[in-house]
Amino acid sequence: MPEERRISKKIPETLSNVSNKSEPLITIRFKRPRTHTFSCFMRQTASRITSTNAAKMPRMADRIKTEIESLENQLWACLTSARPGTALEPYVMDETVMLLPGDWVVTPDTDPALQDVLDNGKVFPKWDSYDMQDIHVVVMDLMAATICYRIDLQKQWGNDVKSFSALCSTAWRQESSGDWKICSHHQGAA
C-alpha cells in the first residue's frame, strides 16, 4: 500500500493576524500502514521552540566559565610544579604577555624573552602552594574569556616559608584547534 501524504498550510499575511497562537501555522503529516503517525508543527516564532535537552545541558557561558576555572587551576598546578616553565608551554601563545611580581613584564620581545623564561626554570618564579578565592569569570565571546581572583601563595625561601597575597587576572583565547591559550596573565600584590 503506498504512503499517504498530506500537507496542510495555513500561512497568515502577517503574524499580527494570528488570533489563536496555539494553532499551528504549518502541519505536515505522514501516514504509513501499521506504523506510527508522524507530525511536525512549525511556528515562525523562534522563541516558542524549546528543547527537552536544554534543561539538562548547562548554558554555553556556564560551560566556558567552568572550563576557564579549570584551566586557571591547571595554570597554578604548572606554577607549583618542579619545572613551571616547561609545564606552562602548552598553555602560552607566541604573543602571551605576563606581568609578574616585582614589576616584571615578560613578553616575546623583552629581555629575557618569554620563551627564555619558560626554558630556564630558575628564572621563572615557582610557587609551592596556592589558594584561589573570589573568582570571577567574564565570558567575552565563545572563544575568549577572562578570570579575576584573589590568591594566597606560599613559597619556600631557604628555611622560611614566605606568604604572598595577590590579585590575579588571566585572559584566555580558544584557538581553532579547540585548545585554550593564555593571552595575558597578571599577578599583582594585594
N, C-alpha and C. Protein backbone atom coordinates (compact mmCIF):
# COMPACT_ATOMS: atom_id res chain seq x y z
N MET A 1 0.84 -1.16 0.00
CA MET A 1 0.00 0.00 0.00
C MET A 1 0.90 1.24 0.00
N PRO A 2 0.69 2.21 -0.88
CA PRO A 2 1.55 3.39 -0.95
C PRO A 2 1.31 4.31 0.25
N GLU A 3 2.32 5.13 0.53
CA GLU A 3 2.22 6.09 1.64
C GLU A 3 1.18 7.16 1.33
N GLU A 4 0.43 7.52 2.35
CA GLU A 4 -0.49 8.62 2.21
C GLU A 4 0.22 9.87 2.73
N ARG A 5 0.29 10.90 1.93
CA ARG A 5 0.96 12.14 2.33
C ARG A 5 -0.05 13.26 2.31
N ARG A 6 -0.07 14.00 3.39
CA ARG A 6 -0.97 15.14 3.46
C ARG A 6 -0.19 16.33 4.00
N ILE A 7 -0.24 17.41 3.32
CA ILE A 7 0.41 18.63 3.77
C ILE A 7 -0.65 19.72 3.79
N SER A 8 -0.84 20.31 4.93
CA SER A 8 -1.80 21.41 5.02
C SER A 8 -1.04 22.67 5.42
N LYS A 9 -1.41 23.77 4.84
CA LYS A 9 -0.73 25.04 5.12
C LYS A 9 -1.76 26.07 5.54
N LYS A 10 -1.39 26.81 6.53
CA LYS A 10 -2.18 27.96 6.90
C LYS A 10 -1.17 29.04 7.25
N ILE A 11 -0.88 29.90 6.31
CA ILE A 11 0.13 30.92 6.48
C ILE A 11 -0.56 32.27 6.47
N PRO A 12 -0.56 33.00 7.57
CA PRO A 12 -1.21 34.31 7.61
C PRO A 12 -0.39 35.34 6.85
N GLU A 13 -1.05 36.44 6.47
CA GLU A 13 -0.34 37.50 5.76
C GLU A 13 0.69 38.15 6.68
N THR A 14 0.34 38.38 7.90
CA THR A 14 1.29 38.90 8.89
C THR A 14 1.08 38.13 10.18
N LEU A 15 2.08 38.15 11.04
CA LEU A 15 1.96 37.44 12.31
C LEU A 15 0.91 38.08 13.21
N SER A 16 0.63 39.36 13.02
CA SER A 16 -0.38 40.01 13.86
C SER A 16 -1.79 39.51 13.55
N ASN A 17 -1.98 38.86 12.40
CA ASN A 17 -3.29 38.32 12.04
C ASN A 17 -3.57 36.98 12.71
N VAL A 18 -2.58 36.42 13.39
CA VAL A 18 -2.78 35.13 14.04
C VAL A 18 -3.52 35.35 15.34
N SER A 19 -4.74 34.87 15.41
CA SER A 19 -5.55 35.08 16.61
C SER A 19 -5.33 33.96 17.62
N ASN A 20 -5.21 32.74 17.17
CA ASN A 20 -5.04 31.60 18.06
C ASN A 20 -3.60 31.13 17.95
N LYS A 21 -2.74 31.48 18.91
CA LYS A 21 -1.32 31.16 18.83
C LYS A 21 -1.04 29.68 19.04
N SER A 22 -2.02 28.94 19.56
CA SER A 22 -1.81 27.51 19.75
C SER A 22 -2.05 26.72 18.46
N GLU A 23 -2.65 27.34 17.48
CA GLU A 23 -2.92 26.68 16.21
C GLU A 23 -1.65 26.68 15.36
N PRO A 24 -1.25 25.54 14.83
CA PRO A 24 -0.01 25.50 14.05
C PRO A 24 -0.15 26.26 12.74
N LEU A 25 0.96 26.88 12.33
CA LEU A 25 0.97 27.57 11.05
C LEU A 25 1.12 26.59 9.90
N ILE A 26 1.92 25.56 10.10
CA ILE A 26 2.13 24.54 9.07
C ILE A 26 2.04 23.18 9.73
N THR A 27 1.27 22.29 9.18
CA THR A 27 1.16 20.92 9.69
C THR A 27 1.54 19.97 8.58
N ILE A 28 2.44 19.06 8.90
CA ILE A 28 2.84 18.04 7.93
C ILE A 28 2.59 16.68 8.58
N ARG A 29 1.83 15.84 7.92
CA ARG A 29 1.53 14.51 8.46
C ARG A 29 1.92 13.45 7.43
N PHE A 30 2.58 12.43 7.90
CA PHE A 30 2.92 11.30 7.05
C PHE A 30 2.32 10.05 7.69
N LYS A 31 1.58 9.28 6.93
CA LYS A 31 0.99 8.05 7.45
C LYS A 31 1.55 6.87 6.68
N ARG A 32 1.87 5.87 7.41
CA ARG A 32 2.32 4.61 6.82
C ARG A 32 1.43 3.51 7.38
N PRO A 33 1.11 2.52 6.61
CA PRO A 33 0.26 1.44 7.13
C PRO A 33 0.95 0.72 8.29
N ARG A 34 0.19 0.46 9.35
CA ARG A 34 0.63 -0.30 10.51
C ARG A 34 1.86 0.31 11.20
N THR A 35 2.04 1.61 11.09
CA THR A 35 3.14 2.29 11.80
C THR A 35 2.57 3.50 12.50
N HIS A 36 3.43 4.24 13.11
CA HIS A 36 3.02 5.43 13.84
C HIS A 36 2.71 6.59 12.89
N THR A 37 2.00 7.56 13.40
CA THR A 37 1.74 8.79 12.66
C THR A 37 2.79 9.81 13.08
N PHE A 38 3.45 10.40 12.11
CA PHE A 38 4.47 11.39 12.37
C PHE A 38 3.89 12.78 12.11
N SER A 39 4.10 13.69 13.03
CA SER A 39 3.59 15.05 12.86
C SER A 39 4.71 16.04 13.13
N CYS A 40 4.67 17.11 12.42
CA CYS A 40 5.64 18.17 12.62
C CYS A 40 4.89 19.49 12.64
N PHE A 41 4.97 20.21 13.71
CA PHE A 41 4.33 21.50 13.82
C PHE A 41 5.41 22.58 13.82
N MET A 42 5.29 23.51 12.94
CA MET A 42 6.31 24.56 12.83
C MET A 42 5.67 25.92 13.10
N ARG A 43 6.37 26.77 13.79
CA ARG A 43 5.92 28.14 14.05
C ARG A 43 7.00 29.08 13.55
N GLN A 44 6.58 30.23 13.15
CA GLN A 44 7.54 31.22 12.70
C GLN A 44 8.20 31.94 13.87
N THR A 45 7.69 31.79 15.04
CA THR A 45 8.25 32.44 16.20
C THR A 45 9.28 31.52 16.83
N ALA A 46 10.57 31.87 16.71
CA ALA A 46 11.64 31.01 17.20
C ALA A 46 11.64 30.91 18.72
N SER A 47 11.12 31.90 19.41
CA SER A 47 11.14 31.85 20.87
C SER A 47 10.24 30.76 21.43
N ARG A 48 9.31 30.27 20.64
CA ARG A 48 8.42 29.20 21.09
C ARG A 48 9.07 27.83 21.02
N ILE A 49 10.17 27.72 20.28
CA ILE A 49 10.84 26.43 20.11
C ILE A 49 11.67 26.14 21.35
N THR A 50 11.41 25.03 21.98
CA THR A 50 12.17 24.62 23.16
C THR A 50 12.69 23.22 22.94
N SER A 51 13.71 22.90 23.67
CA SER A 51 14.30 21.57 23.56
C SER A 51 14.20 20.87 24.91
N THR A 52 13.93 19.60 24.90
CA THR A 52 13.86 18.86 26.16
C THR A 52 15.25 18.71 26.76
N ASN A 53 16.30 18.79 25.94
CA ASN A 53 17.67 18.68 26.44
C ASN A 53 18.19 19.99 27.00
N ALA A 54 17.53 21.10 26.73
CA ALA A 54 18.01 22.41 27.17
C ALA A 54 18.12 22.48 28.69
N ALA A 55 17.20 21.88 29.41
CA ALA A 55 17.25 21.92 30.86
C ALA A 55 18.37 21.04 31.41
N LYS A 56 18.75 20.02 30.70
CA LYS A 56 19.77 19.09 31.17
C LYS A 56 21.19 19.60 30.90
N MET A 57 21.38 20.35 29.82
CA MET A 57 22.70 20.81 29.44
C MET A 57 22.90 22.26 29.90
N PRO A 58 24.04 22.56 30.58
CA PRO A 58 24.26 23.93 31.02
C PRO A 58 24.42 24.87 29.83
N ARG A 59 24.12 26.14 30.07
CA ARG A 59 24.28 27.14 29.02
C ARG A 59 25.74 27.20 28.59
N MET A 60 25.98 27.65 27.36
CA MET A 60 27.34 27.73 26.81
C MET A 60 28.23 28.59 27.70
N ALA A 61 27.74 29.73 28.16
CA ALA A 61 28.54 30.61 29.00
C ALA A 61 28.94 29.91 30.30
N ASP A 62 28.03 29.11 30.86
CA ASP A 62 28.35 28.38 32.09
C ASP A 62 29.42 27.32 31.84
N ARG A 63 29.34 26.67 30.70
CA ARG A 63 30.37 25.66 30.37
C ARG A 63 31.73 26.32 30.17
N ILE A 64 31.74 27.49 29.53
CA ILE A 64 33.00 28.21 29.32
C ILE A 64 33.57 28.65 30.66
N LYS A 65 32.72 29.15 31.56
CA LYS A 65 33.19 29.57 32.88
C LYS A 65 33.83 28.40 33.63
N THR A 66 33.19 27.25 33.58
CA THR A 66 33.74 26.06 34.24
C THR A 66 35.08 25.67 33.63
N GLU A 67 35.17 25.73 32.31
CA GLU A 67 36.42 25.40 31.60
C GLU A 67 37.53 26.37 31.99
N ILE A 68 37.23 27.67 32.05
CA ILE A 68 38.23 28.68 32.39
C ILE A 68 38.73 28.49 33.83
N GLU A 69 37.82 28.21 34.76
CA GLU A 69 38.23 27.95 36.14
C GLU A 69 39.15 26.73 36.21
N SER A 70 38.83 25.69 35.45
CA SER A 70 39.67 24.50 35.40
C SER A 70 41.05 24.82 34.81
N LEU A 71 41.06 25.61 33.74
CA LEU A 71 42.33 25.99 33.12
C LEU A 71 43.19 26.82 34.07
N GLU A 72 42.56 27.70 34.82
CA GLU A 72 43.32 28.52 35.76
C GLU A 72 43.92 27.66 36.86
N ASN A 73 43.19 26.64 37.31
CA ASN A 73 43.77 25.70 38.28
C ASN A 73 44.92 24.93 37.66
N GLN A 74 44.81 24.59 36.38
CA GLN A 74 45.92 23.92 35.69
C GLN A 74 47.13 24.85 35.59
N LEU A 75 46.88 26.14 35.35
CA LEU A 75 47.96 27.13 35.31
C LEU A 75 48.72 27.14 36.62
N TRP A 76 47.98 27.17 37.74
CA TRP A 76 48.66 27.19 39.04
C TRP A 76 49.27 25.84 39.39
N ALA A 77 48.73 24.77 38.88
CA ALA A 77 49.39 23.46 39.05
C ALA A 77 50.75 23.49 38.34
N CYS A 78 50.80 24.13 37.18
CA CYS A 78 52.07 24.29 36.47
C CYS A 78 53.04 25.15 37.27
N LEU A 79 52.54 26.26 37.80
CA LEU A 79 53.41 27.18 38.54
C LEU A 79 53.91 26.59 39.85
N THR A 80 53.24 25.57 40.36
CA THR A 80 53.70 24.92 41.60
C THR A 80 54.42 23.60 41.31
N SER A 81 54.67 23.30 40.04
CA SER A 81 55.37 22.07 39.68
C SER A 81 56.88 22.26 39.79
N ALA A 82 57.62 21.18 39.65
CA ALA A 82 59.09 21.25 39.75
C ALA A 82 59.70 22.09 38.63
N ARG A 83 59.13 22.04 37.44
CA ARG A 83 59.61 22.84 36.30
C ARG A 83 58.45 23.65 35.74
N PRO A 84 58.15 24.78 36.38
CA PRO A 84 56.96 25.55 35.98
C PRO A 84 57.02 26.05 34.53
N GLY A 85 58.19 26.47 34.08
CA GLY A 85 58.29 26.98 32.71
C GLY A 85 57.95 25.93 31.67
N THR A 86 58.48 24.73 31.83
CA THR A 86 58.20 23.64 30.90
C THR A 86 56.72 23.23 30.96
N ALA A 87 56.18 23.20 32.17
CA ALA A 87 54.78 22.81 32.33
C ALA A 87 53.83 23.83 31.70
N LEU A 88 54.22 25.10 31.68
CA LEU A 88 53.36 26.16 31.13
C LEU A 88 53.34 26.22 29.61
N GLU A 89 54.36 25.70 28.95
CA GLU A 89 54.50 25.84 27.49
C GLU A 89 53.24 25.49 26.70
N PRO A 90 52.50 24.42 27.01
CA PRO A 90 51.30 24.13 26.21
C PRO A 90 50.19 25.17 26.35
N TYR A 91 50.26 26.02 27.37
CA TYR A 91 49.20 26.99 27.63
C TYR A 91 49.50 28.39 27.10
N VAL A 92 50.73 28.67 26.72
CA VAL A 92 51.06 30.03 26.26
C VAL A 92 51.11 30.09 24.75
N MET A 93 50.80 31.28 24.21
CA MET A 93 50.89 31.51 22.78
C MET A 93 52.17 32.29 22.51
N ASP A 94 52.46 32.49 21.25
CA ASP A 94 53.65 33.25 20.88
C ASP A 94 53.58 34.70 21.38
N GLU A 95 52.37 35.26 21.49
CA GLU A 95 52.19 36.66 21.86
C GLU A 95 51.85 36.86 23.33
N THR A 96 51.91 35.85 24.16
CA THR A 96 51.50 35.96 25.56
C THR A 96 52.31 37.01 26.31
N VAL A 97 51.61 37.79 27.13
CA VAL A 97 52.24 38.80 27.99
C VAL A 97 52.00 38.39 29.43
N MET A 98 53.05 38.40 30.24
CA MET A 98 52.92 38.07 31.66
C MET A 98 53.45 39.23 32.49
N LEU A 99 52.65 39.66 33.46
CA LEU A 99 53.03 40.71 34.40
C LEU A 99 53.18 40.03 35.76
N LEU A 100 54.42 39.91 36.21
CA LEU A 100 54.71 39.12 37.40
C LEU A 100 55.13 40.02 38.56
N PRO A 101 55.14 39.51 39.79
CA PRO A 101 55.52 40.33 40.95
C PRO A 101 56.90 40.96 40.77
N GLY A 102 57.05 42.13 41.35
CA GLY A 102 58.32 42.84 41.23
C GLY A 102 58.40 43.68 39.97
N ASP A 103 57.24 44.09 39.44
CA ASP A 103 57.18 44.91 38.22
C ASP A 103 57.91 44.25 37.06
N TRP A 104 57.75 42.96 36.94
CA TRP A 104 58.44 42.20 35.89
C TRP A 104 57.46 41.92 34.76
N VAL A 105 57.71 42.52 33.61
CA VAL A 105 56.89 42.32 32.42
C VAL A 105 57.64 41.38 31.48
N VAL A 106 57.00 40.29 31.11
CA VAL A 106 57.63 39.29 30.24
C VAL A 106 56.78 39.14 28.99
N THR A 107 57.37 39.42 27.84
CA THR A 107 56.72 39.27 26.54
C THR A 107 57.70 38.58 25.60
N PRO A 108 57.29 38.28 24.40
CA PRO A 108 58.23 37.70 23.44
C PRO A 108 59.36 38.67 23.07
N ASP A 109 59.16 39.98 23.31
CA ASP A 109 60.15 40.98 22.91
C ASP A 109 61.01 41.51 24.03
N THR A 110 60.75 41.13 25.29
CA THR A 110 61.52 41.65 26.41
C THR A 110 62.82 40.87 26.57
N ASP A 111 63.70 41.38 27.43
CA ASP A 111 64.94 40.67 27.74
C ASP A 111 64.92 40.36 29.23
N PRO A 112 64.78 39.15 29.69
CA PRO A 112 64.66 37.93 28.90
C PRO A 112 63.27 37.80 28.26
N ALA A 113 63.26 37.17 27.11
CA ALA A 113 62.00 36.94 26.39
C ALA A 113 61.20 35.84 27.08
N LEU A 114 59.92 35.80 26.77
CA LEU A 114 59.03 34.82 27.39
C LEU A 114 59.55 33.40 27.20
N GLN A 115 60.00 33.05 26.00
CA GLN A 115 60.49 31.70 25.74
C GLN A 115 61.72 31.39 26.59
N ASP A 116 62.62 32.39 26.79
CA ASP A 116 63.80 32.21 27.65
C ASP A 116 63.39 31.95 29.09
N VAL A 117 62.36 32.67 29.55
CA VAL A 117 61.87 32.49 30.91
C VAL A 117 61.26 31.10 31.07
N LEU A 118 60.52 30.66 30.06
CA LEU A 118 59.93 29.32 30.12
C LEU A 118 60.99 28.23 30.07
N ASP A 119 62.04 28.44 29.27
CA ASP A 119 63.10 27.44 29.13
C ASP A 119 63.96 27.34 30.39
N ASN A 120 64.15 28.45 31.10
CA ASN A 120 65.02 28.47 32.27
C ASN A 120 64.16 28.45 33.52
N GLY A 121 64.04 27.29 34.14
CA GLY A 121 63.19 27.13 35.33
C GLY A 121 63.62 27.98 36.50
N LYS A 122 64.93 28.37 36.57
CA LYS A 122 65.42 29.18 37.69
C LYS A 122 64.95 30.62 37.58
N VAL A 123 64.74 31.10 36.36
CA VAL A 123 64.32 32.48 36.16
C VAL A 123 62.84 32.63 36.47
N PHE A 124 62.05 31.64 36.12
CA PHE A 124 60.60 31.74 36.28
C PHE A 124 60.23 31.48 37.74
N PRO A 125 59.41 32.36 38.34
CA PRO A 125 59.05 32.16 39.74
C PRO A 125 58.21 30.90 39.94
N LYS A 126 58.55 30.12 40.93
CA LYS A 126 57.82 28.89 41.24
C LYS A 126 57.19 29.04 42.62
N TRP A 127 55.90 28.74 42.71
CA TRP A 127 55.20 28.79 43.97
C TRP A 127 54.97 27.38 44.46
N ASP A 128 54.99 27.20 45.79
CA ASP A 128 54.81 25.87 46.37
C ASP A 128 53.34 25.51 46.60
N SER A 129 52.51 26.49 46.92
CA SER A 129 51.09 26.22 47.13
C SER A 129 50.29 27.49 46.85
N TYR A 130 49.00 27.29 46.62
CA TYR A 130 48.12 28.43 46.32
C TYR A 130 46.71 28.15 46.81
N ASP A 131 45.96 29.24 47.04
CA ASP A 131 44.56 29.16 47.42
C ASP A 131 43.83 30.29 46.71
N MET A 132 42.98 29.96 45.75
CA MET A 132 42.23 30.95 44.97
C MET A 132 40.90 31.25 45.65
N GLN A 133 40.53 32.56 45.70
CA GLN A 133 39.25 32.98 46.29
C GLN A 133 38.65 34.09 45.43
N ASP A 134 37.39 34.39 45.68
CA ASP A 134 36.67 35.48 44.99
C ASP A 134 36.87 35.40 43.47
N ILE A 135 36.57 34.25 42.91
CA ILE A 135 36.80 34.01 41.48
C ILE A 135 35.66 34.60 40.66
N HIS A 136 36.02 35.38 39.65
CA HIS A 136 35.04 35.97 38.73
C HIS A 136 35.50 35.69 37.30
N VAL A 137 34.64 35.04 36.52
CA VAL A 137 34.93 34.76 35.12
C VAL A 137 33.99 35.58 34.26
N VAL A 138 34.55 36.27 33.28
CA VAL A 138 33.76 37.03 32.33
C VAL A 138 33.96 36.40 30.96
N VAL A 139 32.87 35.91 30.37
CA VAL A 139 32.94 35.32 29.04
C VAL A 139 32.75 36.46 28.04
N MET A 140 33.77 36.71 27.22
CA MET A 140 33.69 37.82 26.26
C MET A 140 33.00 37.40 24.98
N ASP A 141 33.25 36.19 24.53
CA ASP A 141 32.52 35.57 23.42
C ASP A 141 32.76 34.08 23.50
N LEU A 142 32.38 33.34 22.49
CA LEU A 142 32.50 31.88 22.56
C LEU A 142 33.94 31.39 22.59
N MET A 143 34.88 32.26 22.24
CA MET A 143 36.28 31.82 22.17
C MET A 143 37.22 32.70 22.98
N ALA A 144 36.70 33.47 23.92
CA ALA A 144 37.54 34.33 24.74
C ALA A 144 36.88 34.58 26.09
N ALA A 145 37.69 34.55 27.13
CA ALA A 145 37.19 34.81 28.48
C ALA A 145 38.34 35.31 29.34
N THR A 146 37.97 35.98 30.42
CA THR A 146 38.98 36.42 31.38
C THR A 146 38.53 36.00 32.77
N ILE A 147 39.52 35.75 33.63
CA ILE A 147 39.23 35.34 35.00
C ILE A 147 40.02 36.24 35.94
N CYS A 148 39.37 36.70 37.00
CA CYS A 148 39.99 37.56 38.00
C CYS A 148 39.74 36.94 39.37
N TYR A 149 40.72 37.03 40.27
CA TYR A 149 40.58 36.40 41.58
C TYR A 149 41.65 36.89 42.53
N ARG A 150 41.44 36.60 43.79
CA ARG A 150 42.44 36.84 44.84
C ARG A 150 43.11 35.49 45.10
N ILE A 151 44.41 35.53 45.35
CA ILE A 151 45.13 34.28 45.58
C ILE A 151 46.12 34.46 46.73
N ASP A 152 46.23 33.43 47.56
CA ASP A 152 47.25 33.39 48.61
C ASP A 152 48.27 32.36 48.18
N LEU A 153 49.51 32.80 48.08
CA LEU A 153 50.60 31.95 47.61
C LEU A 153 51.61 31.71 48.72
N GLN A 154 52.25 30.56 48.67
CA GLN A 154 53.34 30.26 49.59
C GLN A 154 54.52 29.74 48.80
N LYS A 155 55.71 30.14 49.27
CA LYS A 155 56.94 29.77 48.58
C LYS A 155 58.03 29.51 49.62
N GLN A 156 58.80 28.47 49.40
CA GLN A 156 59.91 28.12 50.29
C GLN A 156 61.11 28.97 49.91
N TRP A 157 61.63 29.77 50.85
CA TRP A 157 62.83 30.58 50.63
C TRP A 157 63.84 30.18 51.70
N GLY A 158 64.75 29.33 51.33
CA GLY A 158 65.70 28.82 52.32
C GLY A 158 64.97 27.97 53.34
N ASN A 159 65.12 28.34 54.61
CA ASN A 159 64.43 27.61 55.68
C ASN A 159 63.08 28.22 56.02
N ASP A 160 62.75 29.37 55.41
CA ASP A 160 61.50 30.06 55.71
C ASP A 160 60.46 29.81 54.63
N VAL A 161 59.21 29.90 55.04
CA VAL A 161 58.10 29.85 54.09
C VAL A 161 57.54 31.27 54.01
N LYS A 162 57.58 31.85 52.83
CA LYS A 162 57.08 33.21 52.60
C LYS A 162 55.66 33.13 52.05
N SER A 163 54.81 34.00 52.53
CA SER A 163 53.44 34.09 52.04
C SER A 163 53.29 35.36 51.22
N PHE A 164 52.44 35.29 50.22
CA PHE A 164 52.22 36.42 49.33
C PHE A 164 50.76 36.39 48.90
N SER A 165 50.07 37.51 49.05
CA SER A 165 48.70 37.62 48.58
C SER A 165 48.70 38.47 47.33
N ALA A 166 47.94 38.05 46.35
CA ALA A 166 47.94 38.76 45.07
C ALA A 166 46.54 38.82 44.49
N LEU A 167 46.34 39.80 43.65
CA LEU A 167 45.17 39.87 42.78
C LEU A 167 45.66 39.45 41.41
N CYS A 168 44.99 38.50 40.81
CA CYS A 168 45.44 37.96 39.52
C CYS A 168 44.33 38.05 38.49
N SER A 169 44.75 38.10 37.25
CA SER A 169 43.80 38.00 36.14
C SER A 169 44.51 37.32 34.98
N THR A 170 43.75 36.54 34.25
CA THR A 170 44.26 35.86 33.07
C THR A 170 43.22 35.97 31.97
N ALA A 171 43.67 36.32 30.79
CA ALA A 171 42.80 36.35 29.62
C ALA A 171 43.11 35.11 28.80
N TRP A 172 42.08 34.35 28.45
CA TRP A 172 42.22 33.11 27.69
C TRP A 172 41.55 33.26 26.33
N ARG A 173 42.13 32.63 25.32
CA ARG A 173 41.55 32.62 23.98
C ARG A 173 41.56 31.18 23.46
N GLN A 174 40.46 30.78 22.86
CA GLN A 174 40.38 29.43 22.30
C GLN A 174 40.82 29.46 20.84
N GLU A 175 41.75 28.59 20.50
CA GLU A 175 42.24 28.52 19.13
C GLU A 175 41.35 27.61 18.29
N SER A 176 41.58 27.62 16.99
CA SER A 176 40.75 26.81 16.09
C SER A 176 40.87 25.32 16.39
N SER A 177 41.96 24.91 17.03
CA SER A 177 42.13 23.51 17.42
C SER A 177 41.24 23.12 18.60
N GLY A 178 40.68 24.14 19.28
CA GLY A 178 39.87 23.88 20.47
C GLY A 178 40.65 24.08 21.75
N ASP A 179 41.98 24.21 21.66
CA ASP A 179 42.82 24.43 22.84
C ASP A 179 42.71 25.87 23.31
N TRP A 180 42.66 26.04 24.62
CA TRP A 180 42.64 27.37 25.22
C TRP A 180 44.07 27.79 25.51
N LYS A 181 44.42 29.03 25.18
CA LYS A 181 45.77 29.55 25.40
C LYS A 181 45.69 30.86 26.18
N ILE A 182 46.76 31.16 26.91
CA ILE A 182 46.84 32.38 27.70
C ILE A 182 47.24 33.55 26.79
N CYS A 183 46.42 34.60 26.79
CA CYS A 183 46.79 35.84 26.09
C CYS A 183 47.64 36.70 27.00
N SER A 184 47.16 36.86 28.24
CA SER A 184 47.91 37.63 29.23
C SER A 184 47.61 37.09 30.62
N HIS A 185 48.59 37.26 31.49
CA HIS A 185 48.43 36.83 32.88
C HIS A 185 49.08 37.90 33.75
N HIS A 186 48.38 38.28 34.82
CA HIS A 186 48.87 39.33 35.70
C HIS A 186 48.79 38.88 37.15
N GLN A 187 49.90 39.07 37.88
CA GLN A 187 49.93 38.83 39.32
C GLN A 187 50.37 40.13 39.97
N GLY A 188 49.52 40.73 40.78
CA GLY A 188 49.86 41.97 41.47
C GLY A 188 49.60 41.85 42.96
N ALA A 189 50.46 42.46 43.74
CA ALA A 189 50.32 42.39 45.20
C ALA A 189 48.96 42.93 45.66
N ALA A 190 48.36 42.22 46.58
CA ALA A 190 47.04 42.64 47.08
C ALA A 190 47.19 43.61 48.24
